[in-house]
Amino acid sequence: MCHKFHGEGADVGPDLTGVGRSSLDALLANVIDPNQVIGKGYENTEVETKDGRTVNGRIVEDTDTRIKLLSAGPKEEVIAKSEIARMRTSELSLMPEGLEQMPEADFRNLICIS
């Protein structure tokens, strides 16, 4: 839903096939503490629009006139820069915390890297 692994999945988060992410220890460390290391380009940006909406995601496009955010789903949101009231980069990952507290069978499916 958020990451690619061996070519399957989405581009919201980093590709988990890469070096340093394919070991069980590295994967568990990132699942248990997703805010420990946030790769460049995967920062969570929060945008508040002039009409009061708040949108979160990672910036995948930034032009003179608009930005495009990508969030879980994957879901894309295009916002005109003229509609932005406030924009900030969060120190928190887009990846939710507490995934290790899900039911054991679901957690085992999440971390299965075979």
PDB file of N, CA and C in Angstrom:
ATOM      1  N   MET A   1       0.820  -1.198   0.000  1.00  0.00           N
ATOM      2  CA  MET A   1       0.000   0.000   0.000  1.00  0.00           C
ATOM      3  C   MET A   1       0.867   1.265   0.000  1.00  0.00           C
ATOM      4  N   CYS A   2       2.058   1.198   0.601  1.00  0.00           N
ATOM      5  CA  CYS A   2       2.908   2.392   0.681  1.00  0.00           C
ATOM      6  C   CYS A   2       4.303   2.184   0.106  1.00  0.00           C
ATOM      7  N   HIS A   3       4.841   0.972   0.191  1.00  0.00           N
ATOM      8  CA  HIS A   3       6.209   0.695  -0.237  1.00  0.00           C
ATOM      9  C   HIS A   3       6.215  -0.309  -1.382  1.00  0.00           C
ATOM     10  N   LYS A   4       7.275  -0.266  -2.172  1.00  0.00           N
ATOM     11  CA  LYS A   4       7.507  -1.308  -3.171  1.00  0.00           C
ATOM     12  C   LYS A   4       8.469  -2.324  -2.585  1.00  0.00           C
ATOM     13  N   PHE A   5       8.253  -3.582  -2.940  1.00  0.00           N
ATOM     14  CA  PHE A   5       9.149  -4.657  -2.556  1.00  0.00           C
ATOM     15  C   PHE A   5       9.222  -5.606  -3.736  1.00  0.00           C
ATOM     16  N   HIS A   6      10.405  -5.743  -4.303  1.00  0.00           N
ATOM     17  CA  HIS A   6      10.611  -6.560  -5.504  1.00  0.00           C
ATOM     18  C   HIS A   6       9.636  -6.173  -6.617  1.00  0.00           C
ATOM     19  N   GLY A   7       9.471  -4.865  -6.822  1.00  0.00           N
ATOM     20  CA  GLY A   7       8.673  -4.356  -7.937  1.00  0.00           C
ATOM     21  C   GLY A   7       7.181  -4.269  -7.703  1.00  0.00           C
ATOM     22  N   GLU A   8       6.695  -4.741  -6.569  1.00  0.00           N
ATOM     23  CA  GLU A   8       5.266  -4.694  -6.291  1.00  0.00           C
ATOM     24  C   GLU A   8       4.980  -3.702  -5.168  1.00  0.00           C
ATOM     25  N   GLY A   9       3.874  -2.971  -5.294  1.00  0.00           N
ATOM     26  CA  GLY A   9       3.479  -2.032  -4.260  1.00  0.00           C
ATOM     27  C   GLY A   9       3.409  -0.615  -4.782  1.00  0.00           C
ATOM     28  N   ALA A  10       3.496   0.353  -3.868  1.00  0.00           N
ATOM     29  CA  ALA A  10       3.345   1.767  -4.207  1.00  0.00           C
ATOM     30  C   ALA A  10       4.613   2.540  -3.863  1.00  0.00           C
ATOM     31  N   ASP A  11       4.690   3.783  -4.359  1.00  0.00           N
ATOM     32  CA  ASP A  11       5.874   4.620  -4.175  1.00  0.00           C
ATOM     33  C   ASP A  11       5.721   5.673  -3.081  1.00  0.00           C
ATOM     34  N   VAL A  12       4.810   5.484  -2.145  1.00  0.00           N
ATOM     35  CA  VAL A  12       4.636   6.460  -1.073  1.00  0.00           C
ATOM     36  C   VAL A  12       5.875   6.486  -0.189  1.00  0.00           C
ATOM     37  N   GLY A  13       6.362   5.313   0.202  1.00  0.00           N
ATOM     38  CA  GLY A  13       7.577   5.192   1.003  1.00  0.00           C
ATOM     39  C   GLY A  13       8.700   4.616   0.167  1.00  0.00           C
ATOM     40  N   PRO A  14       9.894   4.550   0.746  1.00  0.00           N
ATOM     41  CA  PRO A  14      11.053   4.012   0.017  1.00  0.00           C
ATOM     42  C   PRO A  14      10.857   2.553  -0.401  1.00  0.00           C
ATOM     43  N   ASP A  15      11.528   2.171  -1.465  1.00  0.00           N
ATOM     44  CA  ASP A  15      11.525   0.788  -1.938  1.00  0.00           C
ATOM     45  C   ASP A  15      12.237  -0.064  -0.890  1.00  0.00           C
ATOM     46  N   LEU A  16      11.571  -1.077  -0.383  1.00  0.00           N
ATOM     47  CA  LEU A  16      12.130  -1.921   0.677  1.00  0.00           C
ATOM     48  C   LEU A  16      13.078  -2.994   0.152  1.00  0.00           C
ATOM     49  N   THR A  17      13.242  -3.072  -1.158  1.00  0.00           N
ATOM     50  CA  THR A  17      14.127  -4.068  -1.739  1.00  0.00           C
ATOM     51  C   THR A  17      15.585  -3.653  -1.604  1.00  0.00           C
ATOM     52  N   GLY A  18      15.856  -2.370  -1.463  1.00  0.00           N
ATOM     53  CA  GLY A  18      17.206  -1.823  -1.477  1.00  0.00           C
ATOM     54  C   GLY A  18      18.093  -2.289  -0.344  1.00  0.00           C
ATOM     55  N   VAL A  19      19.367  -2.050  -0.493  1.00  0.00           N
ATOM     56  CA  VAL A  19      20.385  -2.406   0.500  1.00  0.00           C
ATOM     57  C   VAL A  19      20.044  -1.758   1.834  1.00  0.00           C
ATOM     58  N   GLY A  20      20.154  -2.538   2.912  1.00  0.00           N
ATOM     59  CA  GLY A  20      19.897  -2.021   4.243  1.00  0.00           C
ATOM     60  C   GLY A  20      18.441  -2.082   4.652  1.00  0.00           C
ATOM     61  N   ARG A  21      17.558  -2.361   3.710  1.00  0.00           N
ATOM     62  CA  ARG A  21      16.148  -2.446   4.045  1.00  0.00           C
ATOM     63  C   ARG A  21      15.613  -3.865   3.922  1.00  0.00           C
ATOM     64  N   SER A  22      16.388  -4.725   3.294  1.00  0.00           N
ATOM     65  CA  SER A  22      15.880  -6.069   3.043  1.00  0.00           C
ATOM     66  C   SER A  22      16.187  -7.048   4.172  1.00  0.00           C
ATOM     67  N   SER A  23      16.946  -6.631   5.184  1.00  0.00           N
ATOM     68  CA  SER A  23      17.182  -7.533   6.306  1.00  0.00           C
ATOM     69  C   SER A  23      16.048  -7.395   7.312  1.00  0.00           C
ATOM     70  N   LEU A  24      15.775  -8.453   8.015  1.00  0.00           N
ATOM     71  CA  LEU A  24      14.698  -8.445   9.003  1.00  0.00           C
ATOM     72  C   LEU A  24      14.966  -7.420  10.103  1.00  0.00           C
ATOM     73  N   ASP A  25      16.215  -7.331  10.578  1.00  0.00           N
ATOM     74  CA  ASP A  25      16.548  -6.372  11.637  1.00  0.00           C
ATOM     75  C   ASP A  25      16.284  -4.939  11.200  1.00  0.00           C
ATOM     76  N   ALA A  26      16.708  -4.589   9.995  1.00  0.00           N
ATOM     77  CA  ALA A  26      16.500  -3.230   9.490  1.00  0.00           C
ATOM     78  C   ALA A  26      15.015  -2.935   9.322  1.00  0.00           C
ATOM     79  N   LEU A  27      14.287  -3.902   8.794  1.00  0.00           N
ATOM     80  CA  LEU A  27      12.855  -3.721   8.594  1.00  0.00           C
ATOM     81  C   LEU A  27      12.134  -3.545   9.924  1.00  0.00           C
ATOM     82  N   LEU A  28      12.455  -4.382  10.903  1.00  0.00           N
ATOM     83  CA  LEU A  28      11.830  -4.269  12.225  1.00  0.00           C
ATOM     84  C   LEU A  28      12.134  -2.927  12.878  1.00  0.00           C
ATOM     85  N   ALA A  29      13.367  -2.463  12.774  1.00  0.00           N
ATOM     86  CA  ALA A  29      13.740  -1.173  13.364  1.00  0.00           C
ATOM     87  C   ALA A  29      12.909  -0.051  12.764  1.00  0.00           C
ATOM     88  N   ASN A  30      12.678  -0.085  11.457  1.00  0.00           N
ATOM     89  CA  ASN A  30      11.887   0.959  10.803  1.00  0.00           C
ATOM     90  C   ASN A  30      10.402   0.849  11.122  1.00  0.00           C
ATOM     91  N   VAL A  31       9.907  -0.354  11.320  1.00  0.00           N
ATOM     92  CA  VAL A  31       8.490  -0.530  11.671  1.00  0.00           C
ATOM     93  C   VAL A  31       8.242  -0.077  13.102  1.00  0.00           C
ATOM     94  N   ILE A  32       9.140  -0.447  14.004  1.00  0.00           N
ATOM     95  CA  ILE A  32       8.959  -0.111  15.420  1.00  0.00           C
ATOM     96  C   ILE A  32       9.179   1.376  15.672  1.00  0.00           C
ATOM     97  N   ASP A  33      10.132   1.992  14.988  1.00  0.00           N
ATOM     98  CA  ASP A  33      10.382   3.426  15.155  1.00  0.00           C
ATOM     99  C   ASP A  33      10.497   4.097  13.788  1.00  0.00           C
ATOM    100  N   PRO A  34       9.353   4.371  13.142  1.00  0.00           N
ATOM    101  CA  PRO A  34       9.389   4.922  11.788  1.00  0.00           C
ATOM    102  C   PRO A  34       9.974   6.332  11.706  1.00  0.00           C
ATOM    103  N   ASN A  35      10.111   7.012  12.832  1.00  0.00           N
ATOM    104  CA  ASN A  35      10.641   8.376  12.825  1.00  0.00           C
ATOM    105  C   ASN A  35      12.145   8.438  13.037  1.00  0.00           C
ATOM    106  N   GLN A  36      12.771   7.286  13.261  1.00  0.00           N
ATOM    107  CA  GLN A  36      14.209   7.250  13.536  1.00  0.00           C
ATOM    108  C   GLN A  36      15.012   7.761  12.339  1.00  0.00           C
ATOM    109  N   VAL A  37      14.705   7.272  11.156  1.00  0.00           N
ATOM    110  CA  VAL A  37      15.392   7.688   9.931  1.00  0.00           C
ATOM    111  C   VAL A  37      14.336   7.938   8.864  1.00  0.00           C
ATOM    112  N   ILE A  38      14.276   9.172   8.375  1.00  0.00           N
ATOM    113  CA  ILE A  38      13.351   9.517   7.304  1.00  0.00           C
ATOM    114  C   ILE A  38      14.199   9.918   6.105  1.00  0.00           C
ATOM    115  N   GLY A  39      14.148   9.116   5.065  1.00  0.00           N
ATOM    116  CA  GLY A  39      14.986   9.353   3.898  1.00  0.00           C
ATOM    117  C   GLY A  39      14.648  10.642   3.178  1.00  0.00           C
ATOM    118  N   LYS A  40      15.669  11.264   2.572  1.00  0.00           N
ATOM    119  CA  LYS A  40      15.468  12.496   1.813  1.00  0.00           C
ATOM    120  C   LYS A  40      14.454  12.233   0.697  1.00  0.00           C
ATOM    121  N   GLY A  41      13.492  13.122   0.609  1.00  0.00           N
ATOM    122  CA  GLY A  41      12.442  12.979  -0.391  1.00  0.00           C
ATOM    123  C   GLY A  41      11.216  12.264   0.137  1.00  0.00           C
ATOM    124  N   TYR A  42      11.312  11.720   1.355  1.00  0.00           N
ATOM    125  CA  TYR A  42      10.189  11.003   1.957  1.00  0.00           C
ATOM    126  C   TYR A  42       9.666  11.715   3.203  1.00  0.00           C
ATOM    127  N   GLU A  43      10.036  12.983   3.355  1.00  0.00           N
ATOM    128  CA  GLU A  43       9.562  13.766   4.490  1.00  0.00           C
ATOM    129  C   GLU A  43       8.055  14.010   4.361  1.00  0.00           C
ATOM    130  N   ASN A  44       7.378  14.051   5.485  1.00  0.00           N
ATOM    131  CA  ASN A  44       5.950  14.327   5.527  1.00  0.00           C
ATOM    132  C   ASN A  44       5.751  15.841   5.516  1.00  0.00           C
ATOM    133  N   THR A  45       5.022  16.342   4.523  1.00  0.00           N
ATOM    134  CA  THR A  45       4.728  17.763   4.426  1.00  0.00           C
ATOM    135  C   THR A  45       3.259  17.978   4.740  1.00  0.00           C
ATOM    136  N   GLU A  46       2.995  18.938   5.596  1.00  0.00           N
ATOM    137  CA  GLU A  46       1.624  19.288   5.954  1.00  0.00           C
ATOM    138  C   GLU A  46       1.282  20.621   5.302  1.00  0.00           C
ATOM    139  N   VAL A  47       0.193  20.633   4.543  1.00  0.00           N
ATOM    140  CA  VAL A  47      -0.245  21.837   3.852  1.00  0.00           C
ATOM    141  C   VAL A  47      -1.625  22.233   4.374  1.00  0.00           C
ATOM    142  N   GLU A  48      -1.736  23.473   4.784  1.00  0.00           N
ATOM    143  CA  GLU A  48      -3.029  24.026   5.168  1.00  0.00           C
ATOM    144  C   GLU A  48      -3.451  24.976   4.052  1.00  0.00           C
ATOM    145  N   THR A  49      -4.639  24.753   3.499  1.00  0.00           N
ATOM    146  CA  THR A  49      -5.110  25.590   2.401  1.00  0.00           C
ATOM    147  C   THR A  49      -5.900  26.782   2.931  1.00  0.00           C
ATOM    148  N   LYS A  50      -6.092  27.763   2.075  1.00  0.00           N
ATOM    149  CA  LYS A  50      -6.820  28.976   2.457  1.00  0.00           C
ATOM    150  C   LYS A  50      -8.267  28.689   2.812  1.00  0.00           C
ATOM    151  N   ASP A  51      -8.821  27.578   2.307  1.00  0.00           N
ATOM    152  CA  ASP A  51     -10.204  27.221   2.651  1.00  0.00           C
ATOM    153  C   ASP A  51     -10.285  26.324   3.886  1.00  0.00           C
ATOM    154  N   GLY A  52      -9.141  26.143   4.590  1.00  0.00           N
ATOM    155  CA  GLY A  52      -9.138  25.432   5.868  1.00  0.00           C
ATOM    156  C   GLY A  52      -8.850  23.946   5.827  1.00  0.00           C
ATOM    157  N   ARG A  53      -8.605  23.392   4.651  1.00  0.00           N
ATOM    158  CA  ARG A  53      -8.268  21.967   4.571  1.00  0.00           C
ATOM    159  C   ARG A  53      -6.831  21.751   5.002  1.00  0.00           C
ATOM    160  N   THR A  54      -6.540  20.568   5.555  1.00  0.00           N
ATOM    161  CA  THR A  54      -5.177  20.171   5.877  1.00  0.00           C
ATOM    162  C   THR A  54      -4.889  18.887   5.115  1.00  0.00           C
ATOM    163  N   VAL A  55      -3.790  18.897   4.378  1.00  0.00           N
ATOM    164  CA  VAL A  55      -3.401  17.759   3.551  1.00  0.00           C
ATOM    165  C   VAL A  55      -1.972  17.377   3.927  1.00  0.00           C
ATOM    166  N   ASN A  56      -1.730  16.074   4.076  1.00  0.00           N
ATOM    167  CA  ASN A  56      -0.402  15.555   4.407  1.00  0.00           C
ATOM    168  C   ASN A  56       0.076  14.604   3.321  1.00  0.00           C
ATOM    169  N   GLY A  57       1.368  14.576   3.110  1.00  0.00           N
ATOM    170  CA  GLY A  57       1.957  13.630   2.180  1.00  0.00           C
ATOM    171  C   GLY A  57       3.389  14.018   1.881  1.00  0.00           C
ATOM    172  N   ARG A  58       4.018  13.251   1.023  1.00  0.00           N
ATOM    173  CA  ARG A  58       5.373  13.624   0.608  1.00  0.00           C
ATOM    174  C   ARG A  58       5.263  14.344  -0.724  1.00  0.00           C
ATOM    175  N   ILE A  59       6.095  15.354  -0.891  1.00  0.00           N
ATOM    176  CA  ILE A  59       6.056  16.142  -2.123  1.00  0.00           C
ATOM    177  C   ILE A  59       6.694  15.332  -3.245  1.00  0.00           C
ATOM    178  N   VAL A  60       5.920  15.086  -4.299  1.00  0.00           N
ATOM    179  CA  VAL A  60       6.446  14.365  -5.459  1.00  0.00           C
ATOM    180  C   VAL A  60       6.554  15.279  -6.672  1.00  0.00           C
ATOM    181  N   GLU A  61       5.986  16.486  -6.566  1.00  0.00           N
ATOM    182  CA  GLU A  61       6.103  17.480  -7.637  1.00  0.00           C
ATOM    183  C   GLU A  61       6.007  18.857  -7.011  1.00  0.00           C
ATOM    184  N   ASP A  62       6.900  19.743  -7.411  1.00  0.00           N
ATOM    185  CA  ASP A  62       6.904  21.110  -6.901  1.00  0.00           C
ATOM    186  C   ASP A  62       7.261  22.033  -8.055  1.00  0.00           C
ATOM    187  N   THR A  63       6.255  22.757  -8.577  1.00  0.00           N
ATOM    188  CA  THR A  63       6.488  23.685  -9.679  1.00  0.00           C
ATOM    189  C   THR A  63       6.237  25.107  -9.171  1.00  0.00           C
ATOM    190  N   ASP A  64       6.343  26.069 -10.065  1.00  0.00           N
ATOM    191  CA  ASP A  64       6.073  27.457  -9.689  1.00  0.00           C
ATOM    192  C   ASP A  64       4.614  27.673  -9.313  1.00  0.00           C
ATOM    193  N   THR A  65       3.722  26.825  -9.822  1.00  0.00           N
ATOM    194  CA  THR A  65       2.289  27.067  -9.631  1.00  0.00           C
ATOM    195  C   THR A  65       1.570  26.049  -8.746  1.00  0.00           C
ATOM    196  N   ARG A  66       2.175  24.877  -8.527  1.00  0.00           N
ATOM    197  CA  ARG A  66       1.478  23.852  -7.753  1.00  0.00           C
ATOM    198  C   ARG A  66       2.448  22.886  -7.100  1.00  0.00           C
ATOM    199  N   ILE A  67       1.902  22.145  -6.125  1.00  0.00           N
ATOM    200  CA  ILE A  67       2.628  21.016  -5.554  1.00  0.00           C
ATOM    201  C   ILE A  67       1.729  19.789  -5.645  1.00  0.00           C
ATOM    202  N   LYS A  68       2.363  18.637  -5.693  1.00  0.00           N
ATOM    203  CA  LYS A  68       1.628  17.378  -5.676  1.00  0.00           C
ATOM    204  C   LYS A  68       2.142  16.577  -4.491  1.00  0.00           C
ATOM    205  N   LEU A  69       1.208  16.151  -3.633  1.00  0.00           N
ATOM    206  CA  LEU A  69       1.532  15.329  -2.478  1.00  0.00           C
ATOM    207  C   LEU A  69       1.057  13.910  -2.728  1.00  0.00           C
ATOM    208  N   LEU A  70       1.817  12.951  -2.229  1.00  0.00           N
ATOM    209  CA  LEU A  70       1.463  11.537  -2.324  1.00  0.00           C
ATOM    210  C   LEU A  70       1.362  10.997  -0.908  1.00  0.00           C
ATOM    211  N   SER A  71       0.241  10.362  -0.604  1.00  0.00           N
ATOM    212  CA  SER A  71       0.044   9.791   0.725  1.00  0.00           C
ATOM    213  C   SER A  71      -0.447   8.357   0.589  1.00  0.00           C
ATOM    214  N   ALA A  72      -0.646   7.700   1.736  1.00  0.00           N
ATOM    215  CA  ALA A  72      -1.041   6.288   1.755  1.00  0.00           C
ATOM    216  C   ALA A  72      -2.268   6.058   0.901  1.00  0.00           C
ATOM    217  N   GLY A  73      -2.266   4.924   0.278  1.00  0.00           N
ATOM    218  CA  GLY A  73      -3.405   4.539  -0.547  1.00  0.00           C
ATOM    219  C   GLY A  73      -2.995   3.836  -1.832  1.00  0.00           C
ATOM    220  N   PRO A  74      -2.155   4.347  -2.664  1.00  0.00           N
ATOM    221  CA  PRO A  74      -1.609   5.697  -2.684  1.00  0.00           C
ATOM    222  C   PRO A  74      -2.644   6.709  -3.178  1.00  0.00           C
ATOM    223  N   LYS A  75      -2.582   7.893  -2.629  1.00  0.00           N
ATOM    224  CA  LYS A  75      -3.503   8.976  -2.966  1.00  0.00           C
ATOM    225  C   LYS A  75      -2.696  10.212  -3.320  1.00  0.00           C
ATOM    226  N   GLU A  76      -2.993  10.805  -4.473  1.00  0.00           N
ATOM    227  CA  GLU A  76      -2.328  12.031  -4.903  1.00  0.00           C
ATOM    228  C   GLU A  76      -3.247  13.230  -4.674  1.00  0.00           C
ATOM    229  N   GLU A  77      -2.651  14.325  -4.262  1.00  0.00           N
ATOM    230  CA  GLU A  77      -3.393  15.565  -4.045  1.00  0.00           C
ATOM    231  C   GLU A  77      -2.587  16.694  -4.678  1.00  0.00           C
ATOM    232  N   VAL A  78      -3.197  17.403  -5.631  1.00  0.00           N
ATOM    233  CA  VAL A  78      -2.551  18.534  -6.289  1.00  0.00           C
ATOM    234  C   VAL A  78      -3.139  19.809  -5.702  1.00  0.00           C
ATOM    235  N   ILE A  79      -2.256  20.708  -5.267  1.00  0.00           N
ATOM    236  CA  ILE A  79      -2.700  21.945  -4.642  1.00  0.00           C
ATOM    237  C   ILE A  79      -2.008  23.117  -5.333  1.00  0.00           C
ATOM    238  N   ALA A  80      -2.809  24.073  -5.770  1.00  0.00           N
ATOM    239  CA  ALA A  80      -2.251  25.287  -6.373  1.00  0.00           C
ATOM    240  C   ALA A  80      -1.523  26.081  -5.297  1.00  0.00           C
ATOM    241  N   LYS A  81      -0.358  26.595  -5.621  1.00  0.00           N
ATOM    242  CA  LYS A  81       0.402  27.363  -4.631  1.00  0.00           C
ATOM    243  C   LYS A  81      -0.359  28.597  -4.174  1.00  0.00           C
ATOM    244  N   SER A  82      -1.201  29.136  -5.040  1.00  0.00           N
ATOM    245  CA  SER A  82      -1.997  30.314  -4.664  1.00  0.00           C
ATOM    246  C   SER A  82      -3.037  29.981  -3.598  1.00  0.00           C
ATOM    247  N   GLU A  83      -3.321  28.683  -3.385  1.00  0.00           N
ATOM    248  CA  GLU A  83      -4.307  28.250  -2.385  1.00  0.00           C
ATOM    249  C   GLU A  83      -3.676  27.833  -1.061  1.00  0.00           C
ATOM    250  N   ILE A  84      -2.348  27.873  -0.975  1.00  0.00           N
ATOM    251  CA  ILE A  84      -1.655  27.444   0.242  1.00  0.00           C
ATOM    252  C   ILE A  84      -1.580  28.588   1.245  1.00  0.00           C
ATOM    253  N   ALA A  85      -2.117  28.330   2.442  1.00  0.00           N
ATOM    254  CA  ALA A  85      -2.026  29.302   3.531  1.00  0.00           C
ATOM    255  C   ALA A  85      -0.753  29.071   4.342  1.00  0.00           C
ATOM    256  N   ARG A  86      -0.418  27.789   4.526  1.00  0.00           N
ATOM    257  CA  ARG A  86       0.751  27.436   5.328  1.00  0.00           C
ATOM    258  C   ARG A  86       1.249  26.067   4.889  1.00  0.00           C
ATOM    259  N   MET A  87       2.568  25.895   4.900  1.00  0.00           N
ATOM    260  CA  MET A  87       3.156  24.613   4.538  1.00  0.00           C
ATOM    261  C   MET A  87       4.366  24.390   5.437  1.00  0.00           C
ATOM    262  N   ARG A  88       4.461  23.186   6.004  1.00  0.00           N
ATOM    263  CA  ARG A  88       5.616  22.869   6.834  1.00  0.00           C
ATOM    264  C   ARG A  88       5.984  21.406   6.663  1.00  0.00           C
ATOM    265  N   THR A  89       7.271  21.142   6.833  1.00  0.00           N
ATOM    266  CA  THR A  89       7.769  19.779   6.795  1.00  0.00           C
ATOM    267  C   THR A  89       7.799  19.255   8.219  1.00  0.00           C
ATOM    268  N   SER A  90       7.186  18.110   8.413  1.00  0.00           N
ATOM    269  CA  SER A  90       7.099  17.499   9.736  1.00  0.00           C
ATOM    270  C   SER A  90       8.354  16.700  10.049  1.00  0.00           C
ATOM    271  N   GLU A  91       8.641  16.540  11.325  1.00  0.00           N
ATOM    272  CA  GLU A  91       9.744  15.675  11.746  1.00  0.00           C
ATOM    273  C   GLU A  91       9.261  14.240  11.930  1.00  0.00           C
ATOM    274  N   LEU A  92       7.990  14.004  11.663  1.00  0.00           N
ATOM    275  CA  LEU A  92       7.415  12.668  11.798  1.00  0.00           C
ATOM    276  C   LEU A  92       7.256  12.030  10.428  1.00  0.00           C
ATOM    277  N   SER A  93       7.436  10.729  10.379  1.00  0.00           N
ATOM    278  CA  SER A  93       7.294   9.965   9.159  1.00  0.00           C
ATOM    279  C   SER A  93       5.824   9.859   8.751  1.00  0.00           C
ATOM    280  N   LEU A  94       5.589   9.662   7.458  1.00  0.00           N
ATOM    281  CA  LEU A  94       4.239   9.333   6.990  1.00  0.00           C
ATOM    282  C   LEU A  94       3.803   7.965   7.503  1.00  0.00           C
ATOM    283  N   MET A  95       4.788   7.114   7.786  1.00  0.00           N
ATOM    284  CA  MET A  95       4.485   5.770   8.275  1.00  0.00           C
ATOM    285  C   MET A  95       3.936   5.863   9.699  1.00  0.00           C
ATOM    286  N   PRO A  96       2.798   5.262   9.951  1.00  0.00           N
ATOM    287  CA  PRO A  96       2.201   5.358  11.288  1.00  0.00           C
ATOM    288  C   PRO A  96       3.019   4.632  12.347  1.00  0.00           C
ATOM    289  N   GLU A  97       2.929   5.133  13.564  1.00  0.00           N
ATOM    290  CA  GLU A  97       3.575   4.471  14.699  1.00  0.00           C
ATOM    291  C   GLU A  97       2.632   3.398  15.241  1.00  0.00           C
ATOM    292  N   GLY A  98       3.168   2.455  15.981  1.00  0.00           N
ATOM    293  CA  GLY A  98       2.354   1.456  16.666  1.00  0.00           C
ATOM    294  C   GLY A  98       1.985   0.240  15.846  1.00  0.00           C
ATOM    295  N   LEU A  99       2.598   0.071  14.669  1.00  0.00           N
ATOM    296  CA  LEU A  99       2.260  -1.087  13.841  1.00  0.00           C
ATOM    297  C   LEU A  99       2.607  -2.401  14.530  1.00  0.00           C
ATOM    298  N   GLU A 100       3.592  -2.371  15.436  1.00  0.00           N
ATOM    299  CA  GLU A 100       3.978  -3.603  16.133  1.00  0.00           C
ATOM    300  C   GLU A 100       2.899  -4.060  17.107  1.00  0.00           C
ATOM    301  N   GLN A 101       1.889  -3.237  17.356  1.00  0.00           N
ATOM    302  CA  GLN A 101       0.817  -3.589  18.280  1.00  0.00           C
ATOM    303  C   GLN A 101      -0.380  -4.234  17.579  1.00  0.00           C
ATOM    304  N   MET A 102      -0.297  -4.402  16.266  1.00  0.00           N
ATOM    305  CA  MET A 102      -1.390  -5.055  15.537  1.00  0.00           C
ATOM    306  C   MET A 102      -1.426  -6.537  15.891  1.00  0.00           C
ATOM    307  N   PRO A 103      -2.510  -7.224  15.561  1.00  0.00           N
ATOM    308  CA  PRO A 103      -2.579  -8.664  15.842  1.00  0.00           C
ATOM    309  C   PRO A 103      -1.365  -9.399  15.272  1.00  0.00           C
ATOM    310  N   GLU A 104      -0.917 -10.427  15.990  1.00  0.00           N
ATOM    311  CA  GLU A 104       0.326 -11.128  15.640  1.00  0.00           C
ATOM    312  C   GLU A 104       0.337 -11.624  14.196  1.00  0.00           C
ATOM    313  N   ALA A 105      -0.747 -12.197  13.726  1.00  0.00           N
ATOM    314  CA  ALA A 105      -0.781 -12.717  12.347  1.00  0.00           C
ATOM    315  C   ALA A 105      -0.602 -11.589  11.335  1.00  0.00           C
ATOM    316  N   ASP A 106      -1.227 -10.439  11.584  1.00  0.00           N
ATOM    317  CA  ASP A 106      -1.086  -9.294  10.680  1.00  0.00           C
ATOM    318  C   ASP A 106       0.344  -8.763  10.698  1.00  0.00           C
ATOM    319  N   PHE A 107       0.946  -8.712  11.893  1.00  0.00           N
ATOM    320  CA  PHE A 107       2.319  -8.222  12.000  1.00  0.00           C
ATOM    321  C   PHE A 107       3.283  -9.158  11.274  1.00  0.00           C
ATOM    322  N   ARG A 108       3.060 -10.465  11.422  1.00  0.00           N
ATOM    323  CA  ARG A 108       3.917 -11.433  10.713  1.00  0.00           C
ATOM    324  C   ARG A 108       3.795 -11.246   9.203  1.00  0.00           C
ATOM    325  N   ASN A 109       2.581 -10.991   8.699  1.00  0.00           N
ATOM    326  CA  ASN A 109       2.400 -10.744   7.267  1.00  0.00           C
ATOM    327  C   ASN A 109       3.084  -9.459   6.840  1.00  0.00           C
ATOM    328  N   LEU A 110       3.065  -8.454   7.710  1.00  0.00           N
ATOM    329  CA  LEU A 110       3.696  -7.161   7.408  1.00  0.00           C
ATOM    330  C   LEU A 110       5.207  -7.317   7.248  1.00  0.00           C
ATOM    331  N   ILE A 111       5.843  -8.078   8.110  1.00  0.00           N
ATOM    332  CA  ILE A 111       7.306  -8.156   8.084  1.00  0.00           C
ATOM    333  C   ILE A 111       7.851  -9.315   7.279  1.00  0.00           C
ATOM    334  N   CYS A 112       6.993 -10.134   6.712  1.00  0.00           N
ATOM    335  CA  CYS A 112       7.452 -11.252   5.895  1.00  0.00           C
ATOM    336  C   CYS A 112       8.238 -10.718   4.705  1.00  0.00           C
ATOM    337  N   ILE A 113       9.510 -11.103   4.598  1.00  0.00           N
ATOM    338  CA  ILE A 113      10.356 -10.599   3.505  1.00  0.00           C
ATOM    339  C   ILE A 113      10.827 -11.714   2.591  1.00  0.00           C
ATOM    340  N   SER A 114      10.166 -12.834   2.642  1.00  0.00           N
ATOM    341  CA  SER A 114      10.596 -13.938   1.762  1.00  0.00           C
ATOM    342  C   SER A 114       9.990 -13.797   0.383  1.00  0.00           C
TER     343      SER A 114
END
